[in-house]
Amino acid sequence: MTTDTEYPLTTTPYAEHTARLTRELTAALTTLDDDAALAGRVREVAAELARTSAAPQDVTVDDPFPQSVYVSTGINPIASARNPIAPPMPIRYEGDIAVGEASLPLQYQGPPNRVHGGIIAACFDRVAGAAAHVNGRRPSYTRELTITYDAATPLNTPLVFRGWIDREEGRKRFMAAEVSAGGQITARAHGLWIAPRDPADFGK
């Protein structure tokens, strides 16, 4: 059992598999408006949950989600393989630019056929936060995040989020980010990340 300040450091295959099943159940709840069809899908998911819970140590995942590249905990609500509310968005680096890719299904809808603006904001916080820690920079916190929505960000479409450091002033990192779909930028962000005076204070 963990406390409010202690978090699991890794994601086990069983935890990841269970989170994936929970996401599938969420998808069914938001896409199936026929109770008979929904009940059938619930039975399928429940059966798989029961099967794997009998021997969690034997569960494997063919394509495990990569662990976070800059946050050691495994519960990030945007990028954790073990957190079922997260649409896992792996982060990679292209030089000093953090890049995250995701395809967001119906449970993340705001206006019809569009990703909810709050979800876009959370993804921006994730990718800009990753960029704020590029090249081993000391940990920092989000202070401000401003978003401009230029166009609809579509559901069920490969999205590419990019974040980078625009400039630095002491402990301050001024960040920029954008998201594109099919090469079209649909939203942009800029923000301020600040590192604690004492690196040991990060996470307290």
N, C-alpha and C. Protein backbone atom coordinates (compact mmCIF):
# COMPACT_ATOMS: atom_id res chain seq x y z
N MET A 1 0.85 -1.19 0.00
CA MET A 1 0.00 0.00 0.00
C MET A 1 0.88 1.24 0.00
N THR A 2 0.43 2.29 -0.71
CA THR A 2 1.21 3.52 -0.78
C THR A 2 0.51 4.62 0.01
N THR A 3 1.24 5.66 0.35
CA THR A 3 0.69 6.82 1.04
C THR A 3 0.52 7.94 0.04
N ASP A 4 0.12 9.13 0.56
CA ASP A 4 -0.08 10.27 -0.32
C ASP A 4 1.21 10.74 -0.97
N THR A 5 2.35 10.39 -0.40
CA THR A 5 3.61 10.90 -0.93
C THR A 5 4.52 9.79 -1.44
N GLU A 6 4.03 8.56 -1.47
CA GLU A 6 4.82 7.45 -1.97
C GLU A 6 4.06 6.80 -3.13
N TYR A 7 4.72 6.66 -4.26
CA TYR A 7 4.05 6.18 -5.45
C TYR A 7 4.79 4.99 -6.04
N PRO A 8 4.08 4.13 -6.76
CA PRO A 8 4.77 3.01 -7.41
C PRO A 8 5.78 3.52 -8.42
N LEU A 9 6.94 2.94 -8.43
CA LEU A 9 8.01 3.43 -9.31
C LEU A 9 7.97 2.78 -10.67
N THR A 10 7.33 1.64 -10.80
CA THR A 10 7.30 0.94 -12.07
C THR A 10 5.88 0.47 -12.36
N THR A 11 5.66 0.09 -13.58
CA THR A 11 4.37 -0.46 -14.00
C THR A 11 4.58 -1.92 -14.34
N THR A 12 3.93 -2.80 -13.61
CA THR A 12 4.05 -4.23 -13.88
C THR A 12 3.19 -4.61 -15.07
N PRO A 13 3.48 -5.73 -15.74
CA PRO A 13 2.62 -6.18 -16.84
C PRO A 13 1.17 -6.35 -16.40
N TYR A 14 0.96 -6.86 -15.20
CA TYR A 14 -0.42 -7.05 -14.72
C TYR A 14 -1.12 -5.71 -14.54
N ALA A 15 -0.43 -4.73 -13.95
CA ALA A 15 -1.03 -3.41 -13.76
C ALA A 15 -1.34 -2.76 -15.10
N GLU A 16 -0.43 -2.87 -16.05
CA GLU A 16 -0.67 -2.27 -17.37
C GLU A 16 -1.83 -2.95 -18.07
N HIS A 17 -1.87 -4.28 -18.02
CA HIS A 17 -2.95 -5.01 -18.67
C HIS A 17 -4.30 -4.64 -18.05
N THR A 18 -4.35 -4.52 -16.73
CA THR A 18 -5.59 -4.16 -16.05
C THR A 18 -6.03 -2.75 -16.42
N ALA A 19 -5.07 -1.83 -16.52
CA ALA A 19 -5.40 -0.46 -16.93
C ALA A 19 -5.96 -0.44 -18.35
N ARG A 20 -5.38 -1.26 -19.22
CA ARG A 20 -5.88 -1.31 -20.60
C ARG A 20 -7.32 -1.83 -20.63
N LEU A 21 -7.60 -2.84 -19.83
CA LEU A 21 -8.97 -3.37 -19.78
C LEU A 21 -9.93 -2.31 -19.24
N THR A 22 -9.48 -1.54 -18.26
CA THR A 22 -10.32 -0.49 -17.71
C THR A 22 -10.60 0.58 -18.76
N ARG A 23 -9.61 0.89 -19.58
CA ARG A 23 -9.83 1.84 -20.67
C ARG A 23 -10.83 1.28 -21.68
N GLU A 24 -10.75 -0.02 -21.93
CA GLU A 24 -11.70 -0.64 -22.85
C GLU A 24 -13.11 -0.55 -22.30
N LEU A 25 -13.26 -0.72 -20.99
CA LEU A 25 -14.58 -0.58 -20.38
C LEU A 25 -15.08 0.85 -20.50
N THR A 26 -14.18 1.82 -20.28
CA THR A 26 -14.55 3.22 -20.44
C THR A 26 -14.97 3.51 -21.87
N ALA A 27 -14.26 2.95 -22.84
CA ALA A 27 -14.62 3.13 -24.24
C ALA A 27 -16.01 2.57 -24.51
N ALA A 28 -16.31 1.42 -23.94
CA ALA A 28 -17.64 0.82 -24.14
C ALA A 28 -18.73 1.71 -23.54
N LEU A 29 -18.47 2.26 -22.37
CA LEU A 29 -19.46 3.12 -21.72
C LEU A 29 -19.74 4.38 -22.52
N THR A 30 -18.78 4.85 -23.29
CA THR A 30 -18.95 6.10 -24.03
C THR A 30 -19.30 5.88 -25.50
N THR A 31 -19.31 4.64 -25.95
CA THR A 31 -19.61 4.40 -27.37
C THR A 31 -20.84 3.52 -27.59
N LEU A 32 -21.22 2.73 -26.61
CA LEU A 32 -22.34 1.80 -26.78
C LEU A 32 -23.58 2.34 -26.07
N ASP A 33 -24.60 2.73 -26.83
CA ASP A 33 -25.83 3.24 -26.21
C ASP A 33 -26.92 2.19 -26.10
N ASP A 34 -26.60 0.96 -26.47
CA ASP A 34 -27.52 -0.15 -26.32
C ASP A 34 -27.10 -0.97 -25.09
N ASP A 35 -27.99 -1.09 -24.11
CA ASP A 35 -27.62 -1.76 -22.87
C ASP A 35 -27.23 -3.22 -23.07
N ALA A 36 -27.86 -3.90 -24.02
CA ALA A 36 -27.52 -5.30 -24.26
C ALA A 36 -26.09 -5.42 -24.77
N ALA A 37 -25.73 -4.55 -25.72
CA ALA A 37 -24.37 -4.57 -26.24
C ALA A 37 -23.37 -4.18 -25.16
N LEU A 38 -23.72 -3.18 -24.36
CA LEU A 38 -22.84 -2.75 -23.28
C LEU A 38 -22.65 -3.87 -22.27
N ALA A 39 -23.75 -4.54 -21.92
CA ALA A 39 -23.64 -5.64 -20.95
C ALA A 39 -22.76 -6.76 -21.48
N GLY A 40 -22.86 -7.03 -22.77
CA GLY A 40 -22.02 -8.07 -23.36
C GLY A 40 -20.55 -7.71 -23.28
N ARG A 41 -20.24 -6.46 -23.54
CA ARG A 41 -18.84 -6.03 -23.48
C ARG A 41 -18.34 -6.03 -22.04
N VAL A 42 -19.21 -5.64 -21.10
CA VAL A 42 -18.83 -5.66 -19.69
C VAL A 42 -18.51 -7.09 -19.26
N ARG A 43 -19.31 -8.06 -19.71
CA ARG A 43 -19.04 -9.45 -19.36
C ARG A 43 -17.69 -9.91 -19.89
N GLU A 44 -17.37 -9.50 -21.12
CA GLU A 44 -16.08 -9.89 -21.71
C GLU A 44 -14.91 -9.31 -20.91
N VAL A 45 -15.02 -8.03 -20.58
CA VAL A 45 -13.94 -7.40 -19.82
C VAL A 45 -13.84 -8.00 -18.43
N ALA A 46 -14.99 -8.23 -17.80
CA ALA A 46 -14.99 -8.80 -16.46
C ALA A 46 -14.37 -10.20 -16.46
N ALA A 47 -14.66 -10.98 -17.48
CA ALA A 47 -14.09 -12.33 -17.57
C ALA A 47 -12.57 -12.28 -17.69
N GLU A 48 -12.07 -11.34 -18.47
CA GLU A 48 -10.62 -11.22 -18.62
C GLU A 48 -9.98 -10.70 -17.34
N LEU A 49 -10.65 -9.78 -16.66
CA LEU A 49 -10.14 -9.30 -15.37
C LEU A 49 -10.06 -10.44 -14.37
N ALA A 50 -11.08 -11.27 -14.34
CA ALA A 50 -11.10 -12.40 -13.41
C ALA A 50 -10.01 -13.40 -13.76
N ARG A 51 -9.84 -13.65 -15.07
CA ARG A 51 -8.84 -14.64 -15.49
C ARG A 51 -7.44 -14.19 -15.08
N THR A 52 -7.10 -12.95 -15.35
CA THR A 52 -5.74 -12.49 -15.05
C THR A 52 -5.51 -12.28 -13.56
N SER A 53 -6.57 -11.97 -12.81
CA SER A 53 -6.39 -11.76 -11.37
C SER A 53 -6.08 -13.07 -10.64
N ALA A 54 -6.39 -14.20 -11.28
CA ALA A 54 -6.10 -15.49 -10.65
C ALA A 54 -4.61 -15.77 -10.60
N ALA A 55 -3.86 -15.21 -11.54
CA ALA A 55 -2.40 -15.42 -11.57
C ALA A 55 -1.73 -14.18 -12.13
N PRO A 56 -1.74 -13.08 -11.40
CA PRO A 56 -1.19 -11.81 -11.93
C PRO A 56 0.28 -11.91 -12.31
N GLN A 57 1.01 -12.76 -11.65
CA GLN A 57 2.45 -12.88 -11.93
C GLN A 57 2.71 -13.49 -13.30
N ASP A 58 1.71 -14.12 -13.89
CA ASP A 58 1.89 -14.77 -15.19
C ASP A 58 1.48 -13.89 -16.37
N VAL A 59 0.95 -12.70 -16.08
CA VAL A 59 0.47 -11.83 -17.15
C VAL A 59 1.65 -11.21 -17.89
N THR A 60 1.57 -11.17 -19.20
CA THR A 60 2.56 -10.51 -20.04
C THR A 60 1.87 -9.50 -20.95
N VAL A 61 2.63 -8.52 -21.41
CA VAL A 61 2.13 -7.51 -22.35
C VAL A 61 3.05 -7.52 -23.55
N ASP A 62 2.50 -7.78 -24.72
CA ASP A 62 3.34 -7.91 -25.92
C ASP A 62 4.06 -6.62 -26.27
N ASP A 63 3.39 -5.48 -26.07
CA ASP A 63 3.99 -4.19 -26.43
C ASP A 63 3.91 -3.26 -25.22
N PRO A 64 4.73 -3.51 -24.20
CA PRO A 64 4.65 -2.69 -22.99
C PRO A 64 4.90 -1.22 -23.28
N PHE A 65 4.14 -0.40 -22.57
CA PHE A 65 4.27 1.04 -22.72
C PHE A 65 5.57 1.49 -22.06
N PRO A 66 6.35 2.34 -22.71
CA PRO A 66 7.63 2.76 -22.12
C PRO A 66 7.44 3.56 -20.85
N GLN A 67 8.34 3.37 -19.91
CA GLN A 67 8.30 4.14 -18.67
C GLN A 67 8.61 5.61 -18.97
N SER A 68 8.18 6.46 -18.07
CA SER A 68 8.42 7.89 -18.22
C SER A 68 9.91 8.18 -18.36
N VAL A 69 10.21 9.18 -19.18
CA VAL A 69 11.61 9.53 -19.39
C VAL A 69 12.13 10.56 -18.39
N TYR A 70 11.23 11.20 -17.63
CA TYR A 70 11.73 12.21 -16.70
C TYR A 70 11.02 12.22 -15.36
N VAL A 71 9.92 11.49 -15.22
CA VAL A 71 9.24 11.36 -13.94
C VAL A 71 9.29 9.90 -13.54
N SER A 72 9.79 9.62 -12.35
CA SER A 72 10.01 8.23 -11.96
C SER A 72 8.75 7.51 -11.54
N THR A 73 7.70 8.26 -11.20
CA THR A 73 6.48 7.60 -10.74
C THR A 73 5.67 7.07 -11.90
N GLY A 74 4.80 6.12 -11.61
CA GLY A 74 4.04 5.47 -12.68
C GLY A 74 2.57 5.78 -12.68
N ILE A 75 2.15 6.97 -12.16
CA ILE A 75 0.71 7.24 -12.05
C ILE A 75 0.29 8.50 -12.79
N ASN A 76 1.14 9.05 -13.63
CA ASN A 76 0.82 10.27 -14.36
C ASN A 76 -0.52 10.13 -15.08
N PRO A 77 -1.47 11.08 -14.89
CA PRO A 77 -2.80 10.92 -15.47
C PRO A 77 -2.88 11.17 -16.97
N ILE A 78 -1.79 11.54 -17.58
CA ILE A 78 -1.77 11.72 -19.03
C ILE A 78 -0.91 10.67 -19.70
N ALA A 79 0.09 10.15 -19.00
CA ALA A 79 1.05 9.30 -19.70
C ALA A 79 1.38 7.99 -19.00
N SER A 80 0.61 7.60 -17.99
CA SER A 80 0.96 6.39 -17.26
C SER A 80 0.25 5.16 -17.82
N ALA A 81 1.01 4.09 -17.98
CA ALA A 81 0.43 2.84 -18.44
C ALA A 81 -0.43 2.19 -17.38
N ARG A 82 -0.29 2.59 -16.12
CA ARG A 82 -1.06 1.96 -15.05
C ARG A 82 -2.22 2.83 -14.57
N ASN A 83 -2.39 4.01 -15.13
CA ASN A 83 -3.49 4.89 -14.75
C ASN A 83 -4.55 4.85 -15.84
N PRO A 84 -5.73 4.27 -15.56
CA PRO A 84 -6.71 4.05 -16.63
C PRO A 84 -7.34 5.32 -17.20
N ILE A 85 -7.20 6.45 -16.52
CA ILE A 85 -7.76 7.67 -17.12
C ILE A 85 -6.81 8.26 -18.15
N ALA A 86 -5.60 7.74 -18.22
CA ALA A 86 -4.60 8.32 -19.12
C ALA A 86 -4.68 7.72 -20.52
N PRO A 87 -4.59 8.58 -21.54
CA PRO A 87 -4.35 8.08 -22.89
C PRO A 87 -2.83 8.01 -23.05
N PRO A 88 -2.19 6.88 -22.84
CA PRO A 88 -0.73 6.85 -22.79
C PRO A 88 -0.08 7.59 -23.96
N MET A 89 0.78 8.51 -23.62
CA MET A 89 1.47 9.32 -24.62
C MET A 89 2.96 9.22 -24.37
N PRO A 90 3.63 8.29 -25.02
CA PRO A 90 5.07 8.17 -24.81
C PRO A 90 5.79 9.43 -25.28
N ILE A 91 6.85 9.76 -24.57
CA ILE A 91 7.65 10.94 -24.90
C ILE A 91 9.00 10.50 -25.44
N ARG A 92 9.41 11.13 -26.52
CA ARG A 92 10.76 10.94 -27.03
C ARG A 92 11.34 12.32 -27.28
N TYR A 93 12.63 12.37 -27.54
CA TYR A 93 13.29 13.66 -27.78
C TYR A 93 13.87 13.70 -29.18
N GLU A 94 13.63 14.80 -29.86
CA GLU A 94 14.26 15.10 -31.13
C GLU A 94 15.14 16.32 -30.88
N GLY A 95 16.41 16.07 -30.55
CA GLY A 95 17.26 17.15 -30.09
C GLY A 95 16.75 17.65 -28.75
N ASP A 96 16.47 18.95 -28.67
CA ASP A 96 15.95 19.54 -27.43
C ASP A 96 14.44 19.62 -27.40
N ILE A 97 13.78 19.04 -28.39
CA ILE A 97 12.32 19.09 -28.47
C ILE A 97 11.72 17.78 -27.94
N ALA A 98 10.77 17.90 -27.01
CA ALA A 98 10.05 16.74 -26.52
C ALA A 98 8.87 16.48 -27.44
N VAL A 99 8.68 15.23 -27.82
CA VAL A 99 7.62 14.86 -28.76
C VAL A 99 6.77 13.76 -28.14
N GLY A 100 5.47 13.97 -28.14
CA GLY A 100 4.53 12.97 -27.65
C GLY A 100 3.49 12.68 -28.71
N GLU A 101 3.13 11.42 -28.87
CA GLU A 101 2.13 11.03 -29.86
C GLU A 101 0.98 10.31 -29.18
N ALA A 102 -0.22 10.64 -29.60
CA ALA A 102 -1.41 10.02 -29.01
C ALA A 102 -2.55 10.08 -30.00
N SER A 103 -3.47 9.13 -29.87
CA SER A 103 -4.73 9.15 -30.61
C SER A 103 -5.83 9.04 -29.56
N LEU A 104 -6.68 10.05 -29.48
CA LEU A 104 -7.61 10.16 -28.37
C LEU A 104 -9.01 9.71 -28.78
N PRO A 105 -9.55 8.67 -28.14
CA PRO A 105 -10.87 8.14 -28.50
C PRO A 105 -12.01 8.94 -27.88
N LEU A 106 -13.23 8.42 -28.03
CA LEU A 106 -14.44 9.18 -27.72
C LEU A 106 -14.52 9.63 -26.27
N GLN A 107 -13.95 8.88 -25.33
CA GLN A 107 -14.07 9.30 -23.93
C GLN A 107 -13.36 10.61 -23.64
N TYR A 108 -12.58 11.12 -24.61
CA TYR A 108 -11.91 12.40 -24.43
C TYR A 108 -12.57 13.51 -25.24
N GLN A 109 -13.80 13.30 -25.66
CA GLN A 109 -14.50 14.27 -26.50
C GLN A 109 -15.01 15.46 -25.69
N GLY A 110 -14.93 16.64 -26.32
CA GLY A 110 -15.58 17.84 -25.81
C GLY A 110 -16.74 18.14 -26.75
N PRO A 111 -16.59 19.12 -27.67
CA PRO A 111 -17.59 19.28 -28.72
C PRO A 111 -17.60 18.04 -29.61
N PRO A 112 -18.69 17.80 -30.32
CA PRO A 112 -18.77 16.60 -31.16
C PRO A 112 -17.56 16.43 -32.07
N ASN A 113 -16.97 15.24 -32.01
CA ASN A 113 -15.84 14.84 -32.86
C ASN A 113 -14.54 15.60 -32.56
N ARG A 114 -14.51 16.33 -31.46
CA ARG A 114 -13.31 17.09 -31.12
C ARG A 114 -12.80 16.68 -29.73
N VAL A 115 -11.50 16.73 -29.58
CA VAL A 115 -10.91 16.48 -28.27
C VAL A 115 -11.25 17.64 -27.33
N HIS A 116 -11.62 17.32 -26.10
CA HIS A 116 -11.94 18.34 -25.11
C HIS A 116 -10.71 19.23 -24.88
N GLY A 117 -10.96 20.52 -24.79
CA GLY A 117 -9.86 21.46 -24.62
C GLY A 117 -9.06 21.21 -23.36
N GLY A 118 -9.71 20.74 -22.31
CA GLY A 118 -8.99 20.45 -21.07
C GLY A 118 -8.01 19.30 -21.23
N ILE A 119 -8.36 18.33 -22.06
CA ILE A 119 -7.45 17.22 -22.32
C ILE A 119 -6.24 17.71 -23.12
N ILE A 120 -6.49 18.59 -24.08
CA ILE A 120 -5.38 19.19 -24.83
C ILE A 120 -4.46 19.93 -23.88
N ALA A 121 -5.03 20.66 -22.93
CA ALA A 121 -4.22 21.40 -21.96
C ALA A 121 -3.36 20.45 -21.14
N ALA A 122 -3.94 19.34 -20.70
CA ALA A 122 -3.19 18.38 -19.90
C ALA A 122 -2.04 17.77 -20.71
N CYS A 123 -2.29 17.47 -21.97
CA CYS A 123 -1.23 16.93 -22.83
C CYS A 123 -0.13 17.96 -23.05
N PHE A 124 -0.51 19.22 -23.18
CA PHE A 124 0.50 20.27 -23.31
C PHE A 124 1.35 20.35 -22.04
N ASP A 125 0.71 20.25 -20.89
CA ASP A 125 1.46 20.29 -19.65
C ASP A 125 2.46 19.14 -19.59
N ARG A 126 2.05 18.00 -20.09
CA ARG A 126 2.93 16.82 -20.10
C ARG A 126 4.14 17.03 -21.02
N VAL A 127 3.90 17.45 -22.27
CA VAL A 127 5.00 17.52 -23.22
C VAL A 127 5.90 18.72 -22.93
N ALA A 128 5.32 19.83 -22.47
CA ALA A 128 6.15 20.97 -22.10
C ALA A 128 6.96 20.65 -20.85
N GLY A 129 6.35 19.91 -19.92
CA GLY A 129 7.08 19.50 -18.74
C GLY A 129 8.25 18.61 -19.07
N ALA A 130 8.06 17.71 -20.04
CA ALA A 130 9.16 16.86 -20.48
C ALA A 130 10.28 17.71 -21.10
N ALA A 131 9.89 18.69 -21.89
CA ALA A 131 10.90 19.56 -22.52
C ALA A 131 11.63 20.40 -21.48
N ALA A 132 10.95 20.75 -20.41
CA ALA A 132 11.57 21.57 -19.37
C ALA A 132 12.69 20.82 -18.66
N HIS A 133 12.72 19.49 -18.81
CA HIS A 133 13.73 18.69 -18.13
C HIS A 133 14.76 18.10 -19.11
N VAL A 134 14.79 18.63 -20.32
CA VAL A 134 15.68 18.10 -21.34
C VAL A 134 17.14 18.23 -20.90
N ASN A 135 17.94 17.27 -21.32
CA ASN A 135 19.39 17.28 -21.05
C ASN A 135 19.72 17.35 -19.56
N GLY A 136 18.89 16.67 -18.75
CA GLY A 136 19.19 16.57 -17.34
C GLY A 136 18.98 17.82 -16.52
N ARG A 137 18.19 18.77 -17.02
CA ARG A 137 17.92 19.97 -16.23
C ARG A 137 17.23 19.60 -14.92
N ARG A 138 17.44 20.41 -13.91
CA ARG A 138 16.86 20.15 -12.60
C ARG A 138 15.34 20.20 -12.67
N PRO A 139 14.66 19.43 -11.82
CA PRO A 139 13.19 19.38 -11.85
C PRO A 139 12.56 20.76 -11.67
N SER A 140 11.37 20.93 -12.24
CA SER A 140 10.67 22.21 -12.16
C SER A 140 9.17 21.96 -12.14
N TYR A 141 8.43 22.99 -11.76
CA TYR A 141 6.97 22.93 -11.68
C TYR A 141 6.34 23.88 -12.70
N THR A 142 5.13 23.54 -13.12
CA THR A 142 4.35 24.45 -13.96
C THR A 142 3.87 25.63 -13.12
N ARG A 143 4.13 26.83 -13.58
CA ARG A 143 3.63 28.05 -12.92
C ARG A 143 2.48 28.65 -13.71
N GLU A 144 2.64 28.71 -15.02
CA GLU A 144 1.59 29.26 -15.89
C GLU A 144 1.52 28.44 -17.17
N LEU A 145 0.32 28.34 -17.73
CA LEU A 145 0.15 27.66 -19.01
C LEU A 145 -1.02 28.32 -19.74
N THR A 146 -0.72 28.90 -20.89
CA THR A 146 -1.73 29.59 -21.70
C THR A 146 -1.85 28.89 -23.04
N ILE A 147 -3.08 28.67 -23.47
CA ILE A 147 -3.31 27.89 -24.69
C ILE A 147 -4.15 28.68 -25.68
N THR A 148 -3.78 28.60 -26.94
CA THR A 148 -4.56 29.16 -28.03
C THR A 148 -5.06 28.00 -28.89
N TYR A 149 -6.37 27.89 -29.02
CA TYR A 149 -6.97 26.83 -29.83
C TYR A 149 -7.25 27.40 -31.21
N ASP A 150 -6.48 26.93 -32.19
CA ASP A 150 -6.58 27.48 -33.54
C ASP A 150 -7.62 26.77 -34.40
N ALA A 151 -7.85 25.50 -34.14
CA ALA A 151 -8.76 24.71 -34.96
C ALA A 151 -9.19 23.49 -34.13
N ALA A 152 -10.15 22.76 -34.65
CA ALA A 152 -10.60 21.55 -33.97
C ALA A 152 -9.48 20.51 -33.95
N THR A 153 -9.28 19.89 -32.79
CA THR A 153 -8.34 18.77 -32.70
C THR A 153 -9.17 17.50 -32.76
N PRO A 154 -9.05 16.72 -33.81
CA PRO A 154 -9.98 15.60 -34.03
C PRO A 154 -9.72 14.40 -33.13
N LEU A 155 -10.79 13.69 -32.86
CA LEU A 155 -10.71 12.42 -32.15
C LEU A 155 -10.18 11.33 -33.07
N ASN A 156 -9.69 10.25 -32.46
CA ASN A 156 -9.30 9.04 -33.20
C ASN A 156 -8.38 9.34 -34.39
N THR A 157 -7.50 10.28 -34.17
CA THR A 157 -6.57 10.71 -35.21
C THR A 157 -5.18 10.82 -34.60
N PRO A 158 -4.14 10.35 -35.28
CA PRO A 158 -2.80 10.50 -34.72
C PRO A 158 -2.47 11.98 -34.50
N LEU A 159 -2.15 12.31 -33.26
CA LEU A 159 -1.77 13.68 -32.89
C LEU A 159 -0.31 13.70 -32.48
N VAL A 160 0.35 14.78 -32.81
CA VAL A 160 1.75 14.94 -32.43
C VAL A 160 1.88 16.21 -31.59
N PHE A 161 2.28 16.05 -30.36
CA PHE A 161 2.54 17.17 -29.46
C PHE A 161 4.04 17.43 -29.42
N ARG A 162 4.42 18.69 -29.50
CA ARG A 162 5.83 19.06 -29.40
C ARG A 162 5.99 20.17 -28.37
N GLY A 163 7.03 20.06 -27.55
CA GLY A 163 7.31 21.09 -26.56
C GLY A 163 8.79 21.42 -26.53
N TRP A 164 9.12 22.67 -26.23
CA TRP A 164 10.53 23.09 -26.20
C TRP A 164 10.69 24.31 -25.28
N ILE A 165 11.93 24.52 -24.88
CA ILE A 165 12.26 25.69 -24.08
C ILE A 165 12.46 26.88 -25.01
N ASP A 166 11.68 27.92 -24.79
CA ASP A 166 11.81 29.13 -25.60
C ASP A 166 12.98 29.97 -25.10
N ARG A 167 13.08 30.12 -23.77
CA ARG A 167 14.23 30.82 -23.18
C ARG A 167 14.29 30.49 -21.70
N GLU A 168 15.42 30.79 -21.09
CA GLU A 168 15.61 30.54 -19.66
C GLU A 168 16.14 31.80 -18.99
N GLU A 169 15.66 32.01 -17.76
CA GLU A 169 16.15 33.12 -16.93
C GLU A 169 16.30 32.60 -15.51
N GLY A 170 17.50 32.23 -15.14
CA GLY A 170 17.71 31.68 -13.81
C GLY A 170 16.91 30.40 -13.62
N ARG A 171 16.06 30.38 -12.59
CA ARG A 171 15.26 29.19 -12.32
C ARG A 171 14.03 29.11 -13.23
N LYS A 172 13.78 30.14 -14.02
CA LYS A 172 12.59 30.19 -14.86
C LYS A 172 12.86 29.59 -16.24
N ARG A 173 11.93 28.78 -16.71
CA ARG A 173 11.99 28.24 -18.06
C ARG A 173 10.70 28.62 -18.78
N PHE A 174 10.83 29.39 -19.82
CA PHE A 174 9.68 29.81 -20.61
C PHE A 174 9.49 28.78 -21.73
N MET A 175 8.33 28.14 -21.72
CA MET A 175 8.10 26.99 -22.58
C MET A 175 7.15 27.32 -23.72
N ALA A 176 7.26 26.56 -24.79
CA ALA A 176 6.33 26.65 -25.92
C ALA A 176 5.97 25.24 -26.35
N ALA A 177 4.78 25.10 -26.93
CA ALA A 177 4.33 23.79 -27.38
C ALA A 177 3.28 23.95 -28.47
N GLU A 178 3.08 22.88 -29.21
CA GLU A 178 2.05 22.86 -30.25
C GLU A 178 1.57 21.43 -30.44
N VAL A 179 0.37 21.31 -30.98
CA VAL A 179 -0.14 19.99 -31.35
C VAL A 179 -0.62 20.06 -32.79
N SER A 180 -0.35 19.00 -33.53
CA SER A 180 -0.75 18.96 -34.94
C SER A 180 -1.47 17.66 -35.25
N ALA A 181 -2.34 17.74 -36.22
CA ALA A 181 -3.07 16.57 -36.73
C ALA A 181 -2.95 16.60 -38.25
N GLY A 182 -2.35 15.57 -38.82
CA GLY A 182 -2.16 15.55 -40.26
C GLY A 182 -1.33 16.69 -40.78
N GLY A 183 -0.40 17.17 -39.95
CA GLY A 183 0.46 18.27 -40.36
C GLY A 183 -0.10 19.64 -40.07
N GLN A 184 -1.38 19.74 -39.65
CA GLN A 184 -1.99 21.03 -39.34
C GLN A 184 -1.91 21.30 -37.85
N ILE A 185 -1.39 22.44 -37.46
CA ILE A 185 -1.36 22.83 -36.06
C ILE A 185 -2.76 23.22 -35.62
N THR A 186 -3.25 22.58 -34.58
CA THR A 186 -4.61 22.85 -34.10
C THR A 186 -4.63 23.66 -32.81
N ALA A 187 -3.54 23.65 -32.06
CA ALA A 187 -3.48 24.45 -30.84
C ALA A 187 -2.02 24.71 -30.49
N ARG A 188 -1.79 25.83 -29.79
CA ARG A 188 -0.45 26.21 -29.38
C ARG A 188 -0.48 26.59 -27.89
N ALA A 189 0.66 26.50 -27.26
CA ALA A 189 0.71 26.85 -25.84
C ALA A 189 2.03 27.52 -25.52
N HIS A 190 2.00 28.34 -24.49
CA HIS A 190 3.24 28.85 -23.90
C HIS A 190 3.04 28.91 -22.40
N GLY A 191 4.13 28.78 -21.67
CA GLY A 191 3.99 28.74 -20.22
C GLY A 191 5.30 29.01 -19.52
N LEU A 192 5.22 28.96 -18.20
CA LEU A 192 6.38 29.21 -17.35
C LEU A 192 6.55 28.06 -16.38
N TRP A 193 7.72 27.48 -16.37
CA TRP A 193 8.09 26.45 -15.41
C TRP A 193 9.17 27.02 -14.50
N ILE A 194 9.10 26.72 -13.21
CA ILE A 194 10.09 27.24 -12.26
C ILE A 194 10.67 26.09 -11.45
N ALA A 195 11.99 26.08 -11.37
CA ALA A 195 12.68 25.07 -10.56
C ALA A 195 12.76 25.55 -9.11
N PRO A 196 12.58 24.65 -8.15
CA PRO A 196 12.73 25.04 -6.73
C PRO A 196 14.15 25.55 -6.48
N ARG A 197 14.27 26.41 -5.49
CA ARG A 197 15.60 26.90 -5.12
C ARG A 197 16.50 25.75 -4.68
N ASP A 198 15.89 24.82 -3.96
CA ASP A 198 16.62 23.62 -3.52
C ASP A 198 16.07 22.43 -4.28
N PRO A 199 16.86 21.79 -5.13
CA PRO A 199 16.36 20.63 -5.89
C PRO A 199 15.76 19.55 -5.01
N ALA A 200 16.19 19.47 -3.75
CA ALA A 200 15.65 18.46 -2.84
C ALA A 200 14.19 18.72 -2.49
N ASP A 201 13.70 19.95 -2.77
CA ASP A 201 12.31 20.29 -2.46
C ASP A 201 11.34 19.80 -3.52
N PHE A 202 11.84 19.33 -4.66
CA PHE A 202 10.94 18.89 -5.73
C PHE A 202 10.13 17.70 -5.22
N GLY A 203 8.82 17.79 -5.40
CA GLY A 203 7.94 16.70 -4.98
C GLY A 203 7.42 16.82 -3.56
N LYS A 204 7.86 17.85 -2.83
CA LYS A 204 7.40 18.03 -1.45
C LYS A 204 6.18 18.94 -1.42
